C-alpha atoms as a PDB file:
ATOM      1  CA  LEU A   1      88.989 -64.526 -36.717  1.00  0.00           C
ATOM      2  CA  SER A   2      91.097 -67.377 -35.296  1.00  0.00           C
ATOM      3  CA  VAL A   3      89.237 -70.454 -34.106  1.00  0.00           C
ATOM      4  CA  ALA A   4      90.403 -73.436 -32.033  1.00  0.00           C
ATOM      5  CA  ASP A   5      90.407 -75.781 -35.024  1.00  0.00           C
ATOM      6  CA  GLY A   6      92.065 -78.978 -33.822  1.00  0.00           C
ATOM      7  CA  MET A   7      91.465 -81.473 -31.033  1.00  0.00           C
ATOM      8  CA  PRO A   8      95.136 -81.321 -29.901  1.00  0.00           C
ATOM      9  CA  LEU A   9      94.516 -77.661 -28.997  1.00  0.00           C
ATOM     10  CA  ILE A  10      91.651 -78.701 -26.733  1.00  0.00           C
ATOM     11  CA  TRP A  11      93.681 -81.514 -25.141  1.00  0.00           C
ATOM     12  CA  VAL A  12      96.586 -79.154 -24.390  1.00  0.00           C
ATOM     13  CA  ALA A  13      94.195 -76.504 -23.044  1.00  0.00           C
ATOM     14  CA  LYS A  14      92.656 -79.020 -20.622  1.00  0.00           C
ATOM     15  CA  LEU A  15      96.124 -80.174 -19.567  1.00  0.00           C
ATOM     16  CA  LEU A  16      97.181 -76.591 -18.822  1.00  0.00           C
ATOM     17  CA  GLY A  17      93.899 -75.525 -17.230  1.00  0.00           C
ATOM     18  CA  ILE A  18      93.116 -73.029 -20.003  1.00  0.00           C
ATOM     19  CA  PRO A  19      89.342 -72.383 -20.210  1.00  0.00           C
ATOM     20  CA  LEU A  20      88.900 -73.510 -23.827  1.00  0.00           C
ATOM     21  CA  PRO A  21      85.786 -75.705 -23.679  1.00  0.00           C
ATOM     22  CA  GLU A  22      85.510 -77.190 -27.154  1.00  0.00           C
ATOM     23  CA  ARG A  23      86.864 -77.378 -30.665  1.00  0.00           C
ATOM     24  CA  VAL A  24      85.471 -74.957 -33.238  1.00  0.00           C
ATOM     25  CA  ALA A  25      86.378 -76.256 -36.683  1.00  0.00           C
ATOM     26  CA  GLY A  26      86.408 -73.614 -39.393  1.00  0.00           C
ATOM     27  CA  SER A  27      84.284 -75.807 -41.634  1.00  0.00           C
ATOM     28  CA  SER A  28      81.711 -76.340 -38.847  1.00  0.00           C
ATOM     29  CA  LEU A  29      81.532 -72.588 -38.238  1.00  0.00           C
ATOM     30  CA  PHE A  30      81.073 -71.939 -41.949  1.00  0.00           C
ATOM     31  CA  ASP A  31      78.338 -74.592 -42.211  1.00  0.00           C
ATOM     32  CA  GLU A  32      76.446 -73.115 -39.256  1.00  0.00           C
ATOM     33  CA  LEU A  33      76.591 -69.627 -40.746  1.00  0.00           C
ATOM     34  CA  SER A  34      75.424 -70.932 -44.107  1.00  0.00           C
ATOM     35  CA  LYS A  35      72.309 -72.448 -42.518  1.00  0.00           C
ATOM     36  CA  GLN A  36      71.183 -69.372 -40.577  1.00  0.00           C
ATOM     37  CA  SER A  37      68.322 -67.834 -42.502  1.00  0.00           C
ATOM     38  CA  ASN A  38      67.002 -65.351 -39.904  1.00  0.00           C
ATOM     39  CA  TYR A  39      68.861 -62.393 -41.425  1.00  0.00           C
ATOM     40  CA  PRO A  40      67.261 -59.961 -43.884  1.00  0.00           C
ATOM     41  CA  GLU A  41      70.170 -60.253 -46.326  1.00  0.00           C
ATOM     42  CA  LYS A  42      72.503 -63.048 -47.276  1.00  0.00           C
ATOM     43  CA  ARG A  43      76.063 -62.910 -45.954  1.00  0.00           C
ATOM     44  CA  LYS A  44      78.488 -62.132 -48.753  1.00  0.00           C
ATOM     45  CA  ILE A  45      81.538 -64.392 -48.976  1.00  0.00           C
ATOM     46  CA  PHE A  46      84.781 -63.787 -50.882  1.00  0.00           C
ATOM     47  CA  PHE A  47      87.097 -66.753 -51.548  1.00  0.00           C
ATOM     48  CA  PHE A  48      90.803 -65.899 -51.677  1.00  0.00           C
ATOM     49  CA  GLY A  49      93.361 -68.575 -52.561  1.00  0.00           C
ATOM     50  CA  GLY A  50      93.047 -72.320 -52.862  1.00  0.00           C
ATOM     51  CA  GLN A  51      94.397 -74.603 -55.543  1.00  0.00           C
ATOM     52  CA  GLN A  52      94.045 -73.507 -59.144  1.00  0.00           C
ATOM     53  CA  GLY A  53      90.399 -73.216 -60.133  1.00  0.00           C
ATOM     54  CA  ILE A  54      89.051 -74.183 -56.686  1.00  0.00           C
ATOM     55  CA  ALA A  55      88.101 -70.646 -55.618  1.00  0.00           C
ATOM     56  CA  GLU A  56      85.975 -70.190 -58.738  1.00  0.00           C
ATOM     57  CA  GLN A  57      84.410 -73.625 -58.227  1.00  0.00           C
ATOM     58  CA  ALA A  58      83.569 -72.771 -54.604  1.00  0.00           C
ATOM     59  CA  HIS A  59      82.148 -69.420 -55.744  1.00  0.00           C
ATOM     60  CA  ARG A  60      79.773 -71.046 -58.220  1.00  0.00           C
ATOM     61  CA  ARG A  61      78.758 -73.945 -55.991  1.00  0.00           C
ATOM     62  CA  LEU A  62      78.040 -71.723 -52.971  1.00  0.00           C
ATOM     63  CA  ASN A  63      75.630 -69.643 -55.036  1.00  0.00           C
ATOM     64  CA  GLU A  64      73.881 -72.811 -56.183  1.00  0.00           C
ATOM     65  CA  THR A  65      73.527 -74.567 -52.830  1.00  0.00           C
ATOM     66  CA  ARG A  66      73.509 -72.186 -49.833  1.00  0.00           C
ATOM     67  CA  SER A  67      70.457 -70.150 -48.892  1.00  0.00           C
ATOM     68  CA  ALA A  68      71.970 -67.906 -46.197  1.00  0.00           C
ATOM     69  CA  MET A  69      75.167 -67.025 -48.094  1.00  0.00           C
ATOM     70  CA  THR A  70      76.161 -65.711 -51.459  1.00  0.00           C
ATOM     71  CA  SER A  71      79.614 -65.579 -52.993  1.00  0.00           C
ATOM     72  CA  CYS A  72      80.390 -62.050 -54.121  1.00  0.00           C
ATOM     73  CA  GLY A  73      83.750 -62.902 -55.677  1.00  0.00           C
ATOM     74  CA  PHE A  74      86.933 -64.937 -55.716  1.00  0.00           C
ATOM     75  CA  TYR A  75      90.619 -64.491 -56.445  1.00  0.00           C
ATOM     76  CA  ASP A  76      93.353 -67.051 -57.026  1.00  0.00           C
ATOM     77  CA  PRO A  77      96.737 -65.321 -56.593  1.00  0.00           C
ATOM     78  CA  GLY A  78      98.733 -68.407 -57.595  1.00  0.00           C
ATOM     79  CA  PHE A  79     102.147 -69.261 -56.184  1.00  0.00           C
ATOM     80  CA  VAL A  80     103.483 -65.756 -55.573  1.00  0.00           C
ATOM     81  CA  SER A  81     104.898 -63.936 -52.564  1.00  0.00           C
ATOM     82  CA  VAL A  82     102.727 -62.311 -49.915  1.00  0.00           C
ATOM     83  CA  ASP A  83     103.833 -58.871 -51.151  1.00  0.00           C
ATOM     84  CA  GLU A  84     102.783 -59.711 -54.720  1.00  0.00           C
ATOM     85  CA  MET A  85      99.332 -60.856 -53.596  1.00  0.00           C
ATOM     86  CA  SER A  86      98.950 -57.706 -51.478  1.00  0.00           C
ATOM     87  CA  SER A  87      99.014 -55.178 -54.305  1.00  0.00           C
ATOM     88  CA  LEU A  88      96.643 -52.215 -54.297  1.00  0.00           C
ATOM     89  CA  ASP A  89      94.764 -53.618 -57.319  1.00  0.00           C
ATOM     90  CA  ILE A  90      94.008 -56.896 -55.521  1.00  0.00           C
ATOM     91  CA  ILE A  91      92.912 -55.173 -52.310  1.00  0.00           C
ATOM     92  CA  GLU A  92      90.668 -52.797 -54.276  1.00  0.00           C
ATOM     93  CA  GLN A  93      89.142 -55.725 -56.177  1.00  0.00           C
ATOM     94  CA  ILE A  94      88.245 -57.467 -52.905  1.00  0.00           C
ATOM     95  CA  ASN A  95      86.838 -54.291 -51.338  1.00  0.00           C
ATOM     96  CA  ALA A  96      84.817 -53.532 -54.477  1.00  0.00           C
ATOM     97  CA  ALA A  97      82.988 -56.846 -53.995  1.00  0.00           C
ATOM     98  CA  ALA A  98      81.962 -55.612 -50.498  1.00  0.00           C
ATOM     99  CA  PRO A  99      82.264 -58.987 -48.730  1.00  0.00           C
ATOM    100  CA  ASP A 100      81.122 -59.605 -45.164  1.00  0.00           C
ATOM    101  CA  PHE A 101      83.461 -62.585 -44.763  1.00  0.00           C
ATOM    102  CA  ILE A 102      86.763 -63.265 -46.547  1.00  0.00           C
ATOM    103  CA  VAL A 103      87.737 -66.943 -46.551  1.00  0.00           C
ATOM    104  CA  VAL A 104      91.517 -67.208 -47.023  1.00  0.00           C
ATOM    105  CA  ALA A 105      93.193 -70.437 -48.189  1.00  0.00           C
ATOM    106  CA  LEU A 106      96.916 -69.961 -48.776  1.00  0.00           C
ATOM    107  CA  GLY A 107      98.560 -72.426 -46.413  1.00  0.00           C
ATOM    108  CA  ALA A 108      98.562 -71.590 -42.708  1.00  0.00           C
ATOM    109  CA  LYS A 109     101.790 -69.574 -42.493  1.00  0.00           C
ATOM    110  CA  LYS A 110     101.367 -67.581 -45.697  1.00  0.00           C
ATOM    111  CA  GLY A 111      97.644 -67.106 -45.062  1.00  0.00           C
ATOM    112  CA  GLN A 112      98.134 -65.613 -41.599  1.00  0.00           C
ATOM    113  CA  GLU A 113     100.927 -63.392 -42.915  1.00  0.00           C
ATOM    114  CA  TRP A 114      98.679 -62.108 -45.710  1.00  0.00           C
ATOM    115  CA  ILE A 115      95.835 -61.401 -43.269  1.00  0.00           C
ATOM    116  CA  GLN A 116      98.085 -59.523 -40.830  1.00  0.00           C
ATOM    117  CA  GLN A 117      99.614 -57.470 -43.652  1.00  0.00           C
ATOM    118  CA  ASN A 118      96.309 -56.484 -45.263  1.00  0.00           C
ATOM    119  CA  LYS A 119      93.535 -56.565 -42.647  1.00  0.00           C
ATOM    120  CA  ALA A 120      93.759 -52.815 -41.994  1.00  0.00           C
ATOM    121  CA  HIS A 121      93.069 -52.136 -45.697  1.00  0.00           C
ATOM    122  CA  LEU A 122      90.220 -54.630 -46.145  1.00  0.00           C
ATOM    123  CA  ASN A 123      86.633 -53.594 -45.459  1.00  0.00           C
ATOM    124  CA  ALA A 124      85.225 -57.028 -44.584  1.00  0.00           C
ATOM    125  CA  SER A 125      83.906 -57.493 -41.047  1.00  0.00           C
ATOM    126  CA  VAL A 126      85.462 -60.963 -40.746  1.00  0.00           C
ATOM    127  CA  ILE A 127      88.642 -62.379 -42.290  1.00  0.00           C
ATOM    128  CA  SER A 128      89.738 -65.905 -41.450  1.00  0.00           C
ATOM    129  CA  HIS A 129      92.159 -68.494 -42.772  1.00  0.00           C
ATOM    130  CA  LEU A 130      89.944 -71.537 -43.349  1.00  0.00           C
ATOM    131  CA  GLY A 131      91.983 -73.516 -45.850  1.00  0.00           C
ATOM    132  CA  ALA A 132      89.889 -76.681 -46.012  1.00  0.00           C
ATOM    133  CA  VAL A 133      86.559 -74.809 -46.237  1.00  0.00           C
ATOM    134  CA  ILE A 134      87.184 -73.703 -49.798  1.00  0.00           C
ATOM    135  CA  ASN A 135      87.697 -77.365 -50.810  1.00  0.00           C
ATOM    136  CA  PHE A 136      84.620 -78.548 -48.933  1.00  0.00           C
ATOM    137  CA  VAL A 137      82.434 -75.844 -50.513  1.00  0.00           C
ATOM    138  CA  ALA A 138      83.860 -76.588 -53.966  1.00  0.00           C
ATOM    139  CA  GLY A 139      82.956 -80.238 -53.445  1.00  0.00           C
ATOM    140  CA  ASN A 140      86.296 -81.721 -54.477  1.00  0.00           C
ATOM    141  CA  ILE A 141      87.033 -82.896 -50.907  1.00  0.00           C
ATOM    142  CA  GLU A 142      84.654 -84.642 -48.507  1.00  0.00           C
ATOM    143  CA  ARG A 143      84.863 -83.874 -44.799  1.00  0.00           C
ATOM    144  CA  SER A 144      85.563 -86.721 -42.372  1.00  0.00           C
ATOM    145  CA  PRO A 145      82.754 -88.463 -40.458  1.00  0.00           C
ATOM    146  CA  GLU A 146      81.901 -86.976 -37.063  1.00  0.00           C
ATOM    147  CA  PHE A 147      83.423 -89.939 -35.192  1.00  0.00           C
ATOM    148  CA  TRP A 148      86.821 -89.236 -36.777  1.00  0.00           C
ATOM    149  CA  GLN A 149      86.485 -85.566 -35.802  1.00  0.00           C
ATOM    150  CA  ARG A 150      85.714 -86.354 -32.136  1.00  0.00           C
ATOM    151  CA  CYS A 151      88.690 -88.715 -31.924  1.00  0.00           C
ATOM    152  CA  GLY A 152      91.078 -86.107 -33.331  1.00  0.00           C
ATOM    153  CA  LEU A 153      91.714 -88.170 -36.465  1.00  0.00           C
ATOM    154  CA  GLU A 154      90.424 -85.737 -39.086  1.00  0.00           C
ATOM    155  CA  TRP A 155      94.004 -85.245 -40.260  1.00  0.00           C
ATOM    156  CA  LEU A 156      94.155 -88.944 -41.179  1.00  0.00           C
ATOM    157  CA  TRP A 157      90.976 -88.634 -43.230  1.00  0.00           C
ATOM    158  CA  ARG A 158      92.451 -85.556 -44.953  1.00  0.00           C
ATOM    159  CA  ILE A 159      95.531 -87.577 -45.942  1.00  0.00           C
ATOM    160  CA  LYS A 160      93.221 -90.260 -47.336  1.00  0.00           C
ATOM    161  CA  GLN A 161      91.483 -87.578 -49.408  1.00  0.00           C
ATOM    162  CA  GLU A 162      94.664 -85.636 -50.273  1.00  0.00           C
ATOM    163  CA  PRO A 163      97.736 -87.934 -50.080  1.00  0.00           C
ATOM    164  CA  THR A 164     100.104 -85.016 -50.704  1.00  0.00           C
ATOM    165  CA  LEU A 165      99.301 -83.699 -47.204  1.00  0.00           C
ATOM    166  CA  TRP A 166     101.234 -86.499 -45.474  1.00  0.00           C
ATOM    167  CA  ARG A 167     104.475 -84.498 -45.450  1.00  0.00           C
ATOM    168  CA  ARG A 168     102.815 -81.456 -43.868  1.00  0.00           C
ATOM    169  CA  TYR A 169     101.148 -83.538 -41.150  1.00  0.00           C
ATOM    170  CA  LEU A 170     104.375 -85.461 -40.484  1.00  0.00           C
ATOM    171  CA  PHE A 171     106.400 -82.323 -39.816  1.00  0.00           C
ATOM    172  CA  ASP A 172     103.508 -80.665 -37.938  1.00  0.00           C
ATOM    173  CA  GLY A 173     103.211 -83.797 -35.790  1.00  0.00           C
ATOM    174  CA  LEU A 174     106.920 -83.884 -34.996  1.00  0.00           C
ATOM    175  CA  ALA A 175     106.875 -80.184 -34.091  1.00  0.00           C
ATOM    176  CA  PHE A 176     103.834 -80.776 -31.876  1.00  0.00           C
ATOM    177  CA  ILE A 177     105.523 -83.682 -30.070  1.00  0.00           C
ATOM    178  CA  LYS A 178     108.585 -81.504 -29.453  1.00  0.00           C
ATOM    179  CA  LEU A 179     106.336 -78.739 -28.091  1.00  0.00           C
ATOM    180  CA  LEU A 180     104.673 -81.237 -25.751  1.00  0.00           C
ATOM    181  CA  LEU A 181     107.963 -82.571 -24.410  1.00  0.00           C
ATOM    182  CA  VAL A 182     109.843 -79.276 -24.131  1.00  0.00           C
ATOM    183  CA  ASN A 183     107.065 -76.905 -23.069  1.00  0.00           C
ATOM    184  CA  VAL A 184     103.615 -78.338 -22.413  1.00  0.00           C
ATOM    185  CA  PHE A 185     104.341 -81.226 -20.050  1.00  0.00           C
ATOM    186  CA  PRO A 186     106.951 -79.297 -17.991  1.00  0.00           C
ATOM    187  CA  LEU A 187     104.590 -76.296 -17.823  1.00  0.00           C
ATOM    188  CA  ALA A 188     101.638 -78.464 -16.763  1.00  0.00           C
ATOM    189  CA  ILE A 189     103.677 -80.008 -13.937  1.00  0.00           C
ATOM    190  CA  TYR A 190     105.192 -76.692 -12.827  1.00  0.00           C
ATOM    191  CA  ASP A 191     101.810 -74.947 -12.952  1.00  0.00           C
ATOM    192  CA  ARG A 192     100.199 -77.629 -10.775  1.00  0.00           C
ATOM    193  CA  VAL A 193     102.996 -77.265  -8.213  1.00  0.00           C
ATOM    194  CA  LEU A 194     102.557 -73.476  -8.118  1.00  0.00           C
ATOM    195  CA  LYS A 195      98.773 -73.710  -7.773  1.00  0.00           C
ATOM    196  CA  ARG A 196      99.214 -75.851  -4.657  1.00  0.00           C
ATOM    197  CA  SER A 197     101.652 -73.393  -3.108  1.00  0.00           C
ATOM    198  CA  SER A 198     100.948 -70.223  -1.139  1.00  0.00           C
ATOM    199  CA  CYS A 199     101.986 -67.975  -4.043  1.00  0.00           C
ATOM    200  CA  PHE A 200      98.811 -68.876  -5.974  1.00  0.00           C
ATOM    201  CA  GLN A 201      96.655 -67.716  -3.052  1.00  0.00           C
ATOM    202  CA  GLN A 202      98.151 -64.217  -2.923  1.00  0.00           C
ATOM    203  CA  PRO A 203      95.673 -61.411  -3.739  1.00  0.00           C
ATOM    204  CA  CYS A 204      96.094 -59.616  -7.048  1.00  0.00           C
ATOM    205  CA  GLU A 205      97.113 -55.979  -6.646  1.00  0.00           C
ATOM    206  CA  ILE A 206      97.954 -53.365  -9.266  1.00  0.00           C
ATOM    207  CA  HIS A 207      99.302 -49.879  -8.588  1.00  0.00           C
ATOM    208  CA  LYS A 208     100.060 -47.082 -11.028  1.00  0.00           C
ATOM    209  CA  ASP A 209     102.566 -44.262 -10.522  1.00  0.00           C
ATOM    210  CA  GLY A 210     102.915 -42.260 -13.723  1.00  0.00           C
ATOM    211  CA  ASN A 211     104.230 -44.599 -16.387  1.00  0.00           C
ATOM    212  CA  LEU A 212     105.265 -47.230 -13.828  1.00  0.00           C
ATOM    213  CA  ILE A 213     102.783 -50.019 -13.096  1.00  0.00           C
ATOM    214  CA  SER A 214     103.348 -52.414 -10.199  1.00  0.00           C
ATOM    215  CA  LEU A 215     101.796 -55.840 -10.667  1.00  0.00           C
ATOM    216  CA  ASN A 216     101.717 -57.827  -7.425  1.00  0.00           C
ATOM    217  CA  GLY A 217     100.491 -61.158  -6.117  1.00  0.00           C
ATOM    218  CA  SER A 218      98.791 -63.889  -8.130  1.00  0.00           C
ATOM    219  CA  VAL A 219      97.287 -62.809 -11.451  1.00  0.00           C
ATOM    220  CA  HIS A 220      95.159 -65.337 -13.324  1.00  0.00           C
ATOM    221  CA  HIS A 221      92.054 -65.385 -15.516  1.00  0.00           C
ATOM    222  CA  LYS A 222      89.623 -64.972 -12.597  1.00  0.00           C
ATOM    223  CA  LYS A 223      91.393 -61.817 -11.360  1.00  0.00           C
ATOM    224  CA  LEU A 224      92.159 -59.972 -14.583  1.00  0.00           C
ATOM    225  CA  GLU A 225      89.370 -57.415 -14.689  1.00  0.00           C
ATOM    226  CA  LYS A 226      91.101 -54.657 -12.717  1.00  0.00           C
ATOM    227  CA  VAL A 227      94.354 -55.288 -14.579  1.00  0.00           C
ATOM    228  CA  LYS A 228      92.552 -54.808 -17.904  1.00  0.00           C
ATOM    229  CA  ARG A 229      90.879 -51.627 -16.629  1.00  0.00           C
ATOM    230  CA  CYS A 230      94.264 -50.228 -15.611  1.00  0.00           C
ATOM    231  CA  PHE A 231      95.833 -51.090 -18.974  1.00  0.00           C
ATOM    232  CA  THR A 232      92.906 -49.506 -20.835  1.00  0.00           C
ATOM    233  CA  PHE A 233      93.254 -46.315 -18.772  1.00  0.00           C
ATOM    234  CA  VAL A 234      96.995 -46.153 -19.502  1.00  0.00           C
ATOM    235  CA  LEU A 235      96.399 -46.631 -23.232  1.00  0.00           C
ATOM    236  CA  ASP A 236      93.766 -43.884 -23.336  1.00  0.00           C
ATOM    237  CA  GLN A 237      95.128 -41.333 -20.861  1.00  0.00           C
ATOM    238  CA  HIS A 238      98.928 -41.650 -20.746  1.00  0.00           C
ATOM    239  CA  GLN A 239     101.791 -40.995 -23.131  1.00  0.00           C
ATOM    240  CA  GLY A 240     105.252 -42.501 -23.379  1.00  0.00           C
ATOM    241  CA  ASP A 241     106.721 -45.926 -22.693  1.00  0.00           C
ATOM    242  CA  ILE A 242     105.403 -48.129 -19.889  1.00  0.00           C
ATOM    243  CA  VAL A 243     107.338 -50.155 -17.324  1.00  0.00           C
ATOM    244  CA  ILE A 244     105.683 -52.933 -15.295  1.00  0.00           C
ATOM    245  CA  ASP A 245     107.416 -53.648 -11.988  1.00  0.00           C
ATOM    246  CA  CYS A 246     107.147 -57.400 -11.331  1.00  0.00           C
ATOM    247  CA  ALA A 247     109.227 -57.578  -8.148  1.00  0.00           C
ATOM    248  CA  GLN A 248     106.212 -58.660  -6.052  1.00  0.00           C
ATOM    249  CA  LEU A 249     104.558 -60.759  -8.762  1.00  0.00           C
ATOM    250  CA  GLU A 250     104.034 -64.322  -7.511  1.00  0.00           C
ATOM    251  CA  TYR A 251     102.108 -66.133 -10.238  1.00  0.00           C
ATOM    252  CA  ILE A 252     100.681 -65.568 -13.748  1.00  0.00           C
ATOM    253  CA  ASP A 253      98.719 -67.848 -16.050  1.00  0.00           C
ATOM    254  CA  ALA A 254      98.215 -67.974 -19.814  1.00  0.00           C
ATOM    255  CA  ALA A 255      95.334 -65.483 -19.666  1.00  0.00           C
ATOM    256  CA  CYS A 256      97.538 -62.941 -17.901  1.00  0.00           C
ATOM    257  CA  ILE A 257     100.331 -63.504 -20.430  1.00  0.00           C
ATOM    258  CA  ALA A 258      97.868 -63.003 -23.293  1.00  0.00           C
ATOM    259  CA  THR A 259      96.679 -59.762 -21.680  1.00  0.00           C
ATOM    260  CA  LEU A 260     100.281 -58.518 -21.394  1.00  0.00           C
ATOM    261  CA  LEU A 261     100.941 -59.382 -25.047  1.00  0.00           C
ATOM    262  CA  LEU A 262      97.817 -57.528 -26.163  1.00  0.00           C
ATOM    263  CA  PHE A 263      98.742 -54.528 -23.998  1.00  0.00           C
ATOM    264  CA  GLN A 264     102.206 -54.529 -25.569  1.00  0.00           C
ATOM    265  CA  ARG A 265     100.722 -54.737 -29.053  1.00  0.00           C
ATOM    266  CA  TYR A 266      98.401 -51.768 -28.475  1.00  0.00           C
ATOM    267  CA  LEU A 267     101.294 -49.762 -27.032  1.00  0.00           C
ATOM    268  CA  ASN A 268     103.426 -50.597 -30.086  1.00  0.00           C
ATOM    269  CA  GLU A 269     100.622 -49.385 -32.349  1.00  0.00           C
ATOM    270  CA  GLN A 270     100.966 -46.042 -30.541  1.00  0.00           C
ATOM    271  CA  ASP A 271     104.773 -46.135 -31.054  1.00  0.00           C
ATOM    272  CA  ARG A 272     105.256 -46.862 -27.356  1.00  0.00           C
ATOM    273  CA  GLN A 273     107.234 -49.637 -25.667  1.00  0.00           C
ATOM    274  CA  LEU A 274     106.547 -52.004 -22.798  1.00  0.00           C
ATOM    275  CA  SER A 275     109.268 -53.283 -20.453  1.00  0.00           C
ATOM    276  CA  LEU A 276     109.054 -55.739 -17.557  1.00  0.00           C
ATOM    277  CA  GLN A 277     111.209 -54.764 -14.572  1.00  0.00           C
ATOM    278  CA  ALA A 278     112.680 -56.905 -11.771  1.00  0.00           C
ATOM    279  CA  VAL A 279     111.025 -60.107 -12.981  1.00  0.00           C
ATOM    280  CA  PRO A 280     111.369 -62.984 -10.442  1.00  0.00           C
ATOM    281  CA  LYS A 281     112.908 -66.269 -11.580  1.00  0.00           C
ATOM    282  CA  ARG A 282     109.563 -68.034 -11.090  1.00  0.00           C
ATOM    283  CA  ILE A 283     107.868 -65.679 -13.581  1.00  0.00           C
ATOM    284  CA  ILE A 284     110.818 -65.957 -15.983  1.00  0.00           C
ATOM    285  CA  ARG A 285     110.356 -69.736 -15.934  1.00  0.00           C
ATOM    286  CA  ILE A 286     106.599 -69.429 -16.597  1.00  0.00           C
ATOM    287  CA  LEU A 287     107.217 -67.086 -19.540  1.00  0.00           C
ATOM    288  CA  SER A 288     109.905 -69.377 -20.909  1.00  0.00           C
ATOM    289  CA  LEU A 289     107.748 -72.515 -20.691  1.00  0.00           C
ATOM    290  CA  ASN A 290     104.935 -70.601 -22.395  1.00  0.00           C
ATOM    291  CA  ASN A 291     107.449 -69.856 -25.167  1.00  0.00           C
ATOM    292  CA  VAL A 292     106.964 -66.063 -24.952  1.00  0.00           C
ATOM    293  CA  LEU A 293     109.982 -64.884 -22.938  1.00  0.00           C
ATOM    294  CA  THR A 294     111.681 -63.363 -25.990  1.00  0.00           C
ATOM    295  CA  ARG A 295     108.516 -61.400 -26.802  1.00  0.00           C
ATOM    296  CA  PHE A 296     109.123 -59.113 -23.820  1.00  0.00           C
ATOM    297  CA  THR A 297     111.858 -56.622 -22.957  1.00  0.00           C
ATOM    298  CA  ILE A 298     113.200 -57.592 -19.502  1.00  0.00           C
ATOM    299  CA  ILE A 299     115.114 -54.983 -17.492  1.00  0.00           C
ATOM    300  CA  SER A 300     116.587 -54.854 -13.990  1.00  0.00           C
ATOM    301  CA  ARG A 301     115.643 -52.137 -11.518  1.00  0.00           C
END
């Protein structure tokens, strides 16, 4: 589970016309789930990670204070590599606790890497990296007031609570500013120009001939249904690598790009490859500004 935890994500989404209506903070999600009492059994939570001793503290405090949740276990792997904290013994220990929800707190990069490496072997229905939640539940950190959250200043409150975070937020902020200047603002301007041109008004058409798919016209989030149906059919009924002919493709948005990335991922899981053929310069520019051009194999006719 990946949530839109951060007001800058919402601001960028609005700037780019991405239908992401509101922020969903991991801690807010966790609080809401902990208050829901209309289920016959409590949700079982497993805490994985956090600073030394915090996972155990969160485990004990959750069982003392929350009526709709119970902590079924915790594990603090310490400062070791992702491979070391992915051993069979650790995975079996987590699965033996039979959690419904695994709360991971390892630092964003390491936490996501651990989840991706182990999710297929974990039996929990939901796994999510919610680093601050474990501190909030343990009670050693207080969450910012709602006004600070709405203004996008929760990071400043976190630094006040945990001064050592200033370095992380400094480098994250600089990287975010670079992303805005190099990708987001140019993409927002270019996308607005394209939406006012005739290319955006072209009908979306998709044709399939064996393992060759032709994607034509303007493909955006309101016109994706038949594209998804075609991709699903190809995944279920066809074998071999897939080529998408983009020669007549006029426009794509972030939703279309996400659909292509997911299609590619599912093909890769079947040991199949996806290639984009005869991609127009306009589409190359859109992929580049979305920072995903290198994720695709581009071929000529």
